[in-house]
């Protein structure tokens, strides 16, 4: 029988209730037993989708900026989307402060 998302959510809640007085390591181990970490290929797929989505938004905002610059439309919202998306995309390639 296949586990549904509702079943998995109920199992997670049950484990969290049973381990509420335990240490974080015990909670993490118990949760990983019922919800295994994603495989490498799954993680790679998620990253590819995320990066492609951000690049798509970046390209669309560049096209929007090129269109708006020739008109008398306020461009502050498009510039905000552009800079935020660019910062998010660049943030994916920066090492975390605590990493070696």
PDB file of N, CA and C in Angstrom:
ATOM      1  N   UNK A   1       0.837  -1.179   0.000  1.00  0.00           N
ATOM      2  CA  UNK A   1       0.000   0.000   0.000  1.00  0.00           C
ATOM      3  C   UNK A   1       0.886   1.248   0.000  1.00  0.00           C
ATOM      4  N   UNK A   2       0.559   2.214  -0.811  1.00  0.00           N
ATOM      5  CA  UNK A   2       1.344   3.432  -0.946  1.00  0.00           C
ATOM      6  C   UNK A   2       0.941   4.435   0.132  1.00  0.00           C
ATOM      7  N   UNK A   3       1.957   5.086   0.680  1.00  0.00           N
ATOM      8  CA  UNK A   3       1.712   6.089   1.709  1.00  0.00           C
ATOM      9  C   UNK A   3       1.305   7.407   1.056  1.00  0.00           C
ATOM     10  N   UNK A   4       0.229   8.007   1.527  1.00  0.00           N
ATOM     11  CA  UNK A   4      -0.213   9.291   0.990  1.00  0.00           C
ATOM     12  C   UNK A   4       0.456  10.417   1.774  1.00  0.00           C
ATOM     13  N   UNK A   5       0.324  11.623   1.274  1.00  0.00           N
ATOM     14  CA  UNK A   5       0.905  12.771   1.981  1.00  0.00           C
ATOM     15  C   UNK A   5       0.208  12.990   3.320  1.00  0.00           C
ATOM     16  N   UNK A   6      -1.081  12.692   3.384  1.00  0.00           N
ATOM     17  CA  UNK A   6      -1.815  12.830   4.641  1.00  0.00           C
ATOM     18  C   UNK A   6      -1.287  11.834   5.677  1.00  0.00           C
ATOM     19  N   UNK A   7      -1.030  10.596   5.229  1.00  0.00           N
ATOM     20  CA  UNK A   7      -0.465   9.586   6.134  1.00  0.00           C
ATOM     21  C   UNK A   7       0.911  10.002   6.634  1.00  0.00           C
ATOM     22  N   UNK A   8       1.731  10.503   5.728  1.00  0.00           N
ATOM     23  CA  UNK A   8       3.082  10.910   6.118  1.00  0.00           C
ATOM     24  C   UNK A   8       3.029  12.083   7.092  1.00  0.00           C
ATOM     25  N   UNK A   9       2.145  13.049   6.844  1.00  0.00           N
ATOM     26  CA  UNK A   9       2.012  14.193   7.754  1.00  0.00           C
ATOM     27  C   UNK A   9       1.549  13.735   9.134  1.00  0.00           C
ATOM     28  N   UNK A  10       0.623  12.778   9.164  1.00  0.00           N
ATOM     29  CA  UNK A  10       0.149  12.246  10.450  1.00  0.00           C
ATOM     30  C   UNK A  10       1.279  11.519  11.176  1.00  0.00           C
ATOM     31  N   UNK A  11       2.083  10.781  10.438  1.00  0.00           N
ATOM     32  CA  UNK A  11       3.219  10.082  11.046  1.00  0.00           C
ATOM     33  C   UNK A  11       4.242  11.055  11.607  1.00  0.00           C
ATOM     34  N   UNK A  12       4.499  12.131  10.889  1.00  0.00           N
ATOM     35  CA  UNK A  12       5.443  13.140  11.360  1.00  0.00           C
ATOM     36  C   UNK A  12       4.925  13.778  12.644  1.00  0.00           C
ATOM     37  N   UNK A  13       3.638  14.132  12.658  1.00  0.00           N
ATOM     38  CA  UNK A  13       3.052  14.722  13.870  1.00  0.00           C
ATOM     39  C   UNK A  13       3.138  13.754  15.051  1.00  0.00           C
ATOM     40  N   UNK A  14       2.880  12.478  14.799  1.00  0.00           N
ATOM     41  CA  UNK A  14       2.943  11.465  15.847  1.00  0.00           C
ATOM     42  C   UNK A  14       4.362  11.357  16.408  1.00  0.00           C
ATOM     43  N   UNK A  15       5.343  11.343  15.522  1.00  0.00           N
ATOM     44  CA  UNK A  15       6.747  11.252  15.969  1.00  0.00           C
ATOM     45  C   UNK A  15       7.133  12.494  16.765  1.00  0.00           C
ATOM     46  N   UNK A  16       6.701  13.660  16.313  1.00  0.00           N
ATOM     47  CA  UNK A  16       7.031  14.884  17.040  1.00  0.00           C
ATOM     48  C   UNK A  16       6.390  14.908  18.429  1.00  0.00           C
ATOM     49  N   UNK A  17       5.181  14.379  18.520  1.00  0.00           N
ATOM     50  CA  UNK A  17       4.532  14.320  19.838  1.00  0.00           C
ATOM     51  C   UNK A  17       5.243  13.325  20.753  1.00  0.00           C
ATOM     52  N   UNK A  18       5.645  12.178  20.211  1.00  0.00           N
ATOM     53  CA  UNK A  18       6.306  11.159  21.027  1.00  0.00           C
ATOM     54  C   UNK A  18       7.703  11.577  21.466  1.00  0.00           C
ATOM     55  N   UNK A  19       8.355  12.435  20.702  1.00  0.00           N
ATOM     56  CA  UNK A  19       9.725  12.840  21.024  1.00  0.00           C
ATOM     57  C   UNK A  19       9.813  14.279  21.523  1.00  0.00           C
ATOM     58  N   UNK A  20       8.707  14.826  22.004  1.00  0.00           N
ATOM     59  CA  UNK A  20       8.717  16.241  22.388  1.00  0.00           C
ATOM     60  C   UNK A  20       9.650  16.539  23.560  1.00  0.00           C
ATOM     61  N   UNK A  21       9.904  15.568  24.425  1.00  0.00           N
ATOM     62  CA  UNK A  21      10.794  15.793  25.569  1.00  0.00           C
ATOM     63  C   UNK A  21      12.212  15.285  25.320  1.00  0.00           C
ATOM     64  N   UNK A  22      12.495  14.897  24.093  1.00  0.00           N
ATOM     65  CA  UNK A  22      13.815  14.364  23.751  1.00  0.00           C
ATOM     66  C   UNK A  22      14.709  15.467  23.189  1.00  0.00           C
ATOM     67  N   UNK A  23      15.983  15.135  23.019  1.00  0.00           N
ATOM     68  CA  UNK A  23      16.928  16.108  22.451  1.00  0.00           C
ATOM     69  C   UNK A  23      16.685  16.269  20.948  1.00  0.00           C
ATOM     70  N   UNK A  24      17.271  17.300  20.384  1.00  0.00           N
ATOM     71  CA  UNK A  24      17.112  17.563  18.954  1.00  0.00           C
ATOM     72  C   UNK A  24      17.685  16.435  18.106  1.00  0.00           C
ATOM     73  N   UNK A  25      18.764  15.811  18.560  1.00  0.00           N
ATOM     74  CA  UNK A  25      19.358  14.711  17.803  1.00  0.00           C
ATOM     75  C   UNK A  25      18.414  13.515  17.735  1.00  0.00           C
ATOM     76  N   UNK A  26      17.719  13.232  18.821  1.00  0.00           N
ATOM     77  CA  UNK A  26      16.767  12.122  18.834  1.00  0.00           C
ATOM     78  C   UNK A  26      15.600  12.438  17.899  1.00  0.00           C
ATOM     79  N   UNK A  27      15.112  13.669  17.951  1.00  0.00           N
ATOM     80  CA  UNK A  27      14.012  14.072  17.069  1.00  0.00           C
ATOM     81  C   UNK A  27      14.419  13.948  15.606  1.00  0.00           C
ATOM     82  N   UNK A  28      15.624  14.426  15.289  1.00  0.00           N
ATOM     83  CA  UNK A  28      16.096  14.372  13.911  1.00  0.00           C
ATOM     84  C   UNK A  28      16.242  12.930  13.428  1.00  0.00           C
ATOM     85  N   UNK A  29      16.779  12.073  14.268  1.00  0.00           N
ATOM     86  CA  UNK A  29      16.939  10.667  13.892  1.00  0.00           C
ATOM     87  C   UNK A  29      15.588   9.996  13.682  1.00  0.00           C
ATOM     88  N   UNK A  30      14.636  10.292  14.563  1.00  0.00           N
ATOM     89  CA  UNK A  30      13.304   9.696  14.434  1.00  0.00           C
ATOM     90  C   UNK A  30      12.605  10.182  13.169  1.00  0.00           C
ATOM     91  N   UNK A  31      12.744  11.462  12.853  1.00  0.00           N
ATOM     92  CA  UNK A  31      12.109  11.995  11.643  1.00  0.00           C
ATOM     93  C   UNK A  31      12.766  11.449  10.388  1.00  0.00           C
ATOM     94  N   UNK A  32      14.081  11.289  10.405  1.00  0.00           N
ATOM     95  CA  UNK A  32      14.761  10.749   9.227  1.00  0.00           C
ATOM     96  C   UNK A  32      14.406   9.288   8.988  1.00  0.00           C
ATOM     97  N   UNK A  33      13.967   8.600  10.033  1.00  0.00           N
ATOM     98  CA  UNK A  33      13.549   7.212   9.864  1.00  0.00           C
ATOM     99  C   UNK A  33      12.240   7.111   9.075  1.00  0.00           C
ATOM    100  N   UNK A  34      11.363   8.116   9.220  1.00  0.00           N
ATOM    101  CA  UNK A  34      10.088   8.052   8.488  1.00  0.00           C
ATOM    102  C   UNK A  34      10.092   8.926   7.236  1.00  0.00           C
ATOM    103  N   UNK A  35      10.927   9.950   7.220  1.00  0.00           N
ATOM    104  CA  UNK A  35      11.040  10.819   6.041  1.00  0.00           C
ATOM    105  C   UNK A  35      12.521  10.874   5.669  1.00  0.00           C
ATOM    106  N   UNK A  36      12.962   9.984   4.797  1.00  0.00           N
ATOM    107  CA  UNK A  36      14.383   9.961   4.449  1.00  0.00           C
ATOM    108  C   UNK A  36      14.788  11.224   3.678  1.00  0.00           C
ATOM    109  N   UNK A  37      16.049  11.618   3.794  1.00  0.00           N
ATOM    110  CA  UNK A  37      16.503  12.780   3.026  1.00  0.00           C
ATOM    111  C   UNK A  37      16.419  12.493   1.527  1.00  0.00           C
ATOM    112  N   UNK A  38      16.302  13.529   0.721  1.00  0.00           N
ATOM    113  CA  UNK A  38      16.185  13.307  -0.725  1.00  0.00           C
ATOM    114  C   UNK A  38      17.464  12.711  -1.304  1.00  0.00           C
ATOM    115  N   UNK A  39      17.302  11.997  -2.388  1.00  0.00           N
ATOM    116  CA  UNK A  39      18.467  11.448  -3.076  1.00  0.00           C
ATOM    117  C   UNK A  39      19.202  12.573  -3.784  1.00  0.00           C
ATOM    118  N   UNK A  40      20.409  12.276  -4.225  1.00  0.00           N
ATOM    119  CA  UNK A  40      21.218  13.294  -4.913  1.00  0.00           C
ATOM    120  C   UNK A  40      20.533  13.764  -6.193  1.00  0.00           C
ATOM    121  N   UNK A  41      19.933  12.839  -6.934  1.00  0.00           N
ATOM    122  CA  UNK A  41      19.279  13.223  -8.189  1.00  0.00           C
ATOM    123  C   UNK A  41      18.048  14.084  -7.929  1.00  0.00           C
ATOM    124  N   UNK A  42      17.329  13.814  -6.841  1.00  0.00           N
ATOM    125  CA  UNK A  42      16.178  14.648  -6.490  1.00  0.00           C
ATOM    126  C   UNK A  42      16.626  16.053  -6.113  1.00  0.00           C
ATOM    127  N   UNK A  43      17.674  16.147  -5.316  1.00  0.00           N
ATOM    128  CA  UNK A  43      18.196  17.457  -4.921  1.00  0.00           C
ATOM    129  C   UNK A  43      18.693  18.234  -6.145  1.00  0.00           C
ATOM    130  N   UNK A  44      19.361  17.541  -7.064  1.00  0.00           N
ATOM    131  CA  UNK A  44      19.835  18.197  -8.282  1.00  0.00           C
ATOM    132  C   UNK A  44      18.668  18.716  -9.114  1.00  0.00           C
ATOM    133  N   UNK A  45      17.606  17.929  -9.207  1.00  0.00           N
ATOM    134  CA  UNK A  45      16.429  18.343  -9.973  1.00  0.00           C
ATOM    135  C   UNK A  45      15.787  19.584  -9.357  1.00  0.00           C
ATOM    136  N   UNK A  46      15.687  19.608  -8.031  1.00  0.00           N
ATOM    137  CA  UNK A  46      15.100  20.767  -7.351  1.00  0.00           C
ATOM    138  C   UNK A  46      15.948  22.005  -7.601  1.00  0.00           C
ATOM    139  N   UNK A  47      17.278  21.870  -7.518  1.00  0.00           N
ATOM    140  CA  UNK A  47      18.153  23.015  -7.766  1.00  0.00           C
ATOM    141  C   UNK A  47      18.043  23.510  -9.210  1.00  0.00           C
ATOM    142  N   UNK A  48      17.955  22.590 -10.150  1.00  0.00           N
ATOM    143  CA  UNK A  48      17.822  22.991 -11.558  1.00  0.00           C
ATOM    144  C   UNK A  48      16.526  23.756 -11.768  1.00  0.00           C
ATOM    145  N   UNK A  49      15.445  23.268 -11.192  1.00  0.00           N
ATOM    146  CA  UNK A  49      14.154  23.966 -11.325  1.00  0.00           C
ATOM    147  C   UNK A  49      14.226  25.345 -10.682  1.00  0.00           C
ATOM    148  N   UNK A  50      14.836  25.440  -9.499  1.00  0.00           N
ATOM    149  CA  UNK A  50      14.957  26.719  -8.810  1.00  0.00           C
ATOM    150  C   UNK A  50      15.785  27.710  -9.612  1.00  0.00           C
ATOM    151  N   UNK A  51      16.927  27.275 -10.095  1.00  0.00           N
ATOM    152  CA  UNK A  51      17.799  28.179 -10.862  1.00  0.00           C
ATOM    153  C   UNK A  51      17.138  28.589 -12.175  1.00  0.00           C
ATOM    154  N   UNK A  52      16.520  27.640 -12.873  1.00  0.00           N
ATOM    155  CA  UNK A  52      15.833  27.988 -14.125  1.00  0.00           C
ATOM    156  C   UNK A  52      14.681  28.965 -13.884  1.00  0.00           C
ATOM    157  N   UNK A  53      13.969  28.792 -12.783  1.00  0.00           N
ATOM    158  CA  UNK A  53      12.894  29.724 -12.446  1.00  0.00           C
ATOM    159  C   UNK A  53      13.424  31.124 -12.186  1.00  0.00           C
ATOM    160  N   UNK A  54      14.508  31.219 -11.421  1.00  0.00           N
ATOM    161  CA  UNK A  54      15.087  32.534 -11.143  1.00  0.00           C
ATOM    162  C   UNK A  54      15.662  33.177 -12.403  1.00  0.00           C
ATOM    163  N   UNK A  55      16.296  32.382 -13.248  1.00  0.00           N
ATOM    164  CA  UNK A  55      16.827  32.922 -14.499  1.00  0.00           C
ATOM    165  C   UNK A  55      15.682  33.394 -15.396  1.00  0.00           C
ATOM    166  N   UNK A  56      14.585  32.657 -15.418  1.00  0.00           N
ATOM    167  CA  UNK A  56      13.429  33.072 -16.221  1.00  0.00           C
ATOM    168  C   UNK A  56      12.879  34.406 -15.740  1.00  0.00           C
ATOM    169  N   UNK A  57      12.738  34.546 -14.426  1.00  0.00           N
ATOM    170  CA  UNK A  57      12.256  35.820 -13.875  1.00  0.00           C
ATOM    171  C   UNK A  57      13.242  36.932 -14.192  1.00  0.00           C
ATOM    172  N   UNK A  58      14.536  36.643 -14.114  1.00  0.00           N
ATOM    173  CA  UNK A  58      15.555  37.643 -14.416  1.00  0.00           C
ATOM    174  C   UNK A  58      15.457  38.095 -15.875  1.00  0.00           C
ATOM    175  N   UNK A  59      15.312  37.144 -16.786  1.00  0.00           N
ATOM    176  CA  UNK A  59      15.189  37.483 -18.207  1.00  0.00           C
ATOM    177  C   UNK A  59      13.911  38.287 -18.459  1.00  0.00           C
ATOM    178  N   UNK A  60      12.810  37.871 -17.846  1.00  0.00           N
ATOM    179  CA  UNK A  60      11.557  38.609 -18.030  1.00  0.00           C
ATOM    180  C   UNK A  60      11.652  40.034 -17.492  1.00  0.00           C
ATOM    181  N   UNK A  61      12.341  40.219 -16.368  1.00  0.00           N
ATOM    182  CA  UNK A  61      12.474  41.584 -15.848  1.00  0.00           C
ATOM    183  C   UNK A  61      13.409  42.419 -16.709  1.00  0.00           C
ATOM    184  N   UNK A  62      14.425  41.807 -17.291  1.00  0.00           N
ATOM    185  CA  UNK A  62      15.292  42.551 -18.213  1.00  0.00           C
ATOM    186  C   UNK A  62      14.484  42.999 -19.430  1.00  0.00           C
ATOM    187  N   UNK A  63      13.675  42.089 -19.971  1.00  0.00           N
ATOM    188  CA  UNK A  63      12.816  42.460 -21.101  1.00  0.00           C
ATOM    189  C   UNK A  63      11.817  43.537 -20.695  1.00  0.00           C
ATOM    190  N   UNK A  64      11.277  43.423 -19.490  1.00  0.00           N
ATOM    191  CA  UNK A  64      10.358  44.443 -18.989  1.00  0.00           C
ATOM    192  C   UNK A  64      11.042  45.782 -18.829  1.00  0.00           C
ATOM    193  N   UNK A  65      12.267  45.783 -18.330  1.00  0.00           N
ATOM    194  CA  UNK A  65      13.014  47.036 -18.195  1.00  0.00           C
ATOM    195  C   UNK A  65      13.276  47.672 -19.556  1.00  0.00           C
ATOM    196  N   UNK A  66      13.637  46.851 -20.534  1.00  0.00           N
ATOM    197  CA  UNK A  66      13.895  47.394 -21.874  1.00  0.00           C
ATOM    198  C   UNK A  66      12.609  47.992 -22.457  1.00  0.00           C
ATOM    199  N   UNK A  67      11.487  47.369 -22.184  1.00  0.00           N
ATOM    200  CA  UNK A  67      10.214  47.876 -22.691  1.00  0.00           C
ATOM    201  C   UNK A  67       9.805  49.167 -21.965  1.00  0.00           C
ATOM    202  N   UNK A  68      10.003  49.196 -20.640  1.00  0.00           N
ATOM    203  CA  UNK A  68       9.566  50.338 -19.835  1.00  0.00           C
ATOM    204  C   UNK A  68      10.457  51.548 -20.051  1.00  0.00           C
ATOM    205  N   UNK A  69      11.744  51.336 -20.293  1.00  0.00           N
ATOM    206  CA  UNK A  69      12.658  52.466 -20.427  1.00  0.00           C
ATOM    207  C   UNK A  69      12.291  53.371 -21.600  1.00  0.00           C
ATOM    208  N   UNK A  70      11.648  52.832 -22.601  1.00  0.00           N
ATOM    209  CA  UNK A  70      11.247  53.644 -23.741  1.00  0.00           C
ATOM    210  C   UNK A  70       9.915  54.343 -23.552  1.00  0.00           C
ATOM    211  N   UNK A  71       9.241  54.100 -22.444  1.00  0.00           N
ATOM    212  CA  UNK A  71       7.931  54.680 -22.198  1.00  0.00           C
ATOM    213  C   UNK A  71       7.962  55.529 -20.930  1.00  0.00           C
ATOM    214  N   UNK A  72       6.883  56.217 -20.680  1.00  0.00           N
ATOM    215  CA  UNK A  72       6.831  57.071 -19.492  1.00  0.00           C
ATOM    216  C   UNK A  72       6.153  56.345 -18.323  1.00  0.00           C
ATOM    217  N   UNK A  73       6.383  55.054 -18.207  1.00  0.00           N
ATOM    218  CA  UNK A  73       5.802  54.245 -17.142  1.00  0.00           C
ATOM    219  C   UNK A  73       6.809  54.186 -15.996  1.00  0.00           C
ATOM    220  N   UNK A  74       6.344  54.349 -14.748  1.00  0.00           N
ATOM    221  CA  UNK A  74       7.287  54.236 -13.627  1.00  0.00           C
ATOM    222  C   UNK A  74       7.895  52.836 -13.587  1.00  0.00           C
ATOM    223  N   UNK A  75       9.207  52.790 -13.501  1.00  0.00           N
ATOM    224  CA  UNK A  75       9.908  51.511 -13.596  1.00  0.00           C
ATOM    225  C   UNK A  75      10.412  50.991 -12.259  1.00  0.00           C
ATOM    226  N   UNK A  76       9.995  51.592 -11.146  1.00  0.00           N
ATOM    227  CA  UNK A  76      10.523  51.195  -9.848  1.00  0.00           C
ATOM    228  C   UNK A  76      10.160  49.766  -9.470  1.00  0.00           C
ATOM    229  N   UNK A  77       8.986  49.293  -9.856  1.00  0.00           N
ATOM    230  CA  UNK A  77       8.589  47.933  -9.498  1.00  0.00           C
ATOM    231  C   UNK A  77       9.395  46.900 -10.277  1.00  0.00           C
ATOM    232  N   UNK A  78       9.640  47.163 -11.539  1.00  0.00           N
ATOM    233  CA  UNK A  78      10.417  46.211 -12.339  1.00  0.00           C
ATOM    234  C   UNK A  78      11.864  46.180 -11.856  1.00  0.00           C
ATOM    235  N   UNK A  79      12.410  47.341 -11.502  1.00  0.00           N
ATOM    236  CA  UNK A  79      13.776  47.382 -10.980  1.00  0.00           C
ATOM    237  C   UNK A  79      13.857  46.625  -9.660  1.00  0.00           C
ATOM    238  N   UNK A  80      12.832  46.737  -8.832  1.00  0.00           N
ATOM    239  CA  UNK A  80      12.807  46.003  -7.567  1.00  0.00           C
ATOM    240  C   UNK A  80      12.805  44.502  -7.817  1.00  0.00           C
ATOM    241  N   UNK A  81      11.979  44.026  -8.735  1.00  0.00           N
ATOM    242  CA  UNK A  81      11.939  42.596  -9.056  1.00  0.00           C
ATOM    243  C   UNK A  81      13.286  42.146  -9.628  1.00  0.00           C
ATOM    244  N   UNK A  82      13.865  42.964 -10.496  1.00  0.00           N
ATOM    245  CA  UNK A  82      15.141  42.628 -11.122  1.00  0.00           C
ATOM    246  C   UNK A  82      16.250  42.486 -10.082  1.00  0.00           C
ATOM    247  N   UNK A  83      16.387  43.469  -9.207  1.00  0.00           N
ATOM    248  CA  UNK A  83      17.479  43.431  -8.235  1.00  0.00           C
ATOM    249  C   UNK A  83      17.277  42.320  -7.206  1.00  0.00           C
ATOM    250  N   UNK A  84      16.032  42.095  -6.798  1.00  0.00           N
ATOM    251  CA  UNK A  84      15.771  41.027  -5.837  1.00  0.00           C
ATOM    252  C   UNK A  84      16.057  39.664  -6.445  1.00  0.00           C
ATOM    253  N   UNK A  85      15.637  39.452  -7.685  1.00  0.00           N
ATOM    254  CA  UNK A  85      15.884  38.177  -8.350  1.00  0.00           C
ATOM    255  C   UNK A  85      17.368  37.963  -8.587  1.00  0.00           C
ATOM    256  N   UNK A  86      18.053  38.995  -9.008  1.00  0.00           N
ATOM    257  CA  UNK A  86      19.493  38.881  -9.223  1.00  0.00           C
ATOM    258  C   UNK A  86      20.219  38.566  -7.924  1.00  0.00           C
ATOM    259  N   UNK A  87      19.819  39.222  -6.836  1.00  0.00           N
ATOM    260  CA  UNK A  87      20.444  38.949  -5.539  1.00  0.00           C
ATOM    261  C   UNK A  87      20.165  37.511  -5.097  1.00  0.00           C
ATOM    262  N   UNK A  88      18.954  37.024  -5.319  1.00  0.00           N
ATOM    263  CA  UNK A  88      18.630  35.644  -4.966  1.00  0.00           C
ATOM    264  C   UNK A  88      19.425  34.646  -5.780  1.00  0.00           C
ATOM    265  N   UNK A  89      19.574  34.933  -7.061  1.00  0.00           N
ATOM    266  CA  UNK A  89      20.332  34.041  -7.928  1.00  0.00           C
ATOM    267  C   UNK A  89      21.810  34.029  -7.543  1.00  0.00           C
ATOM    268  N   UNK A  90      22.375  35.181  -7.255  1.00  0.00           N
ATOM    269  CA  UNK A  90      23.768  35.248  -6.856  1.00  0.00           C
ATOM    270  C   UNK A  90      23.985  34.621  -5.481  1.00  0.00           C
ATOM    271  N   UNK A  91      22.973  34.711  -4.608  1.00  0.00           N
ATOM    272  CA  UNK A  91      23.075  34.131  -3.275  1.00  0.00           C
ATOM    273  C   UNK A  91      23.200  32.622  -3.297  1.00  0.00           C
ATOM    274  N   UNK A  92      22.742  31.987  -4.371  1.00  0.00           N
ATOM    275  CA  UNK A  92      22.856  30.534  -4.468  1.00  0.00           C
ATOM    276  C   UNK A  92      24.311  30.091  -4.636  1.00  0.00           C
ATOM    277  N   UNK A  93      25.163  30.976  -5.107  1.00  0.00           N
ATOM    278  CA  UNK A  93      26.545  30.605  -5.419  1.00  0.00           C
ATOM    279  C   UNK A  93      27.539  31.075  -4.364  1.00  0.00           C
ATOM    280  N   UNK A  94      27.062  31.697  -3.307  1.00  0.00           N
ATOM    281  CA  UNK A  94      27.939  32.192  -2.241  1.00  0.00           C
ATOM    282  C   UNK A  94      27.958  31.167  -1.116  1.00  0.00           C
ATOM    283  N   UNK A  95      29.135  30.905  -0.578  1.00  0.00           N
ATOM    284  CA  UNK A  95      29.255  29.948   0.514  1.00  0.00           C
ATOM    285  C   UNK A  95      28.584  30.503   1.757  1.00  0.00           C
ATOM    286  N   UNK A  96      28.027  29.596   2.569  1.00  0.00           N
ATOM    287  CA  UNK A  96      27.426  29.978   3.827  1.00  0.00           C
ATOM    288  C   UNK A  96      28.503  30.513   4.761  1.00  0.00           C
ATOM    289  N   UNK A  97      28.180  31.482   5.624  1.00  0.00           N
ATOM    290  CA  UNK A  97      29.188  32.083   6.486  1.00  0.00           C
ATOM    291  C   UNK A  97      29.929  31.086   7.374  1.00  0.00           C
ATOM    292  N   UNK A  98      29.266  30.035   7.838  1.00  0.00           N
ATOM    293  CA  UNK A  98      29.920  29.089   8.732  1.00  0.00           C
ATOM    294  C   UNK A  98      30.647  27.950   8.035  1.00  0.00           C
ATOM    295  N   UNK A  99      30.552  27.877   6.699  1.00  0.00           N
ATOM    296  CA  UNK A  99      31.181  26.757   5.991  1.00  0.00           C
ATOM    297  C   UNK A  99      32.647  27.050   5.724  1.00  0.00           C
ATOM    298  N   UNK A 100      33.403  25.980   5.503  1.00  0.00           N
ATOM    299  CA  UNK A 100      34.845  26.110   5.273  1.00  0.00           C
ATOM    300  C   UNK A 100      35.122  26.447   3.838  1.00  0.00           C
TER     301      UNK A 100
END
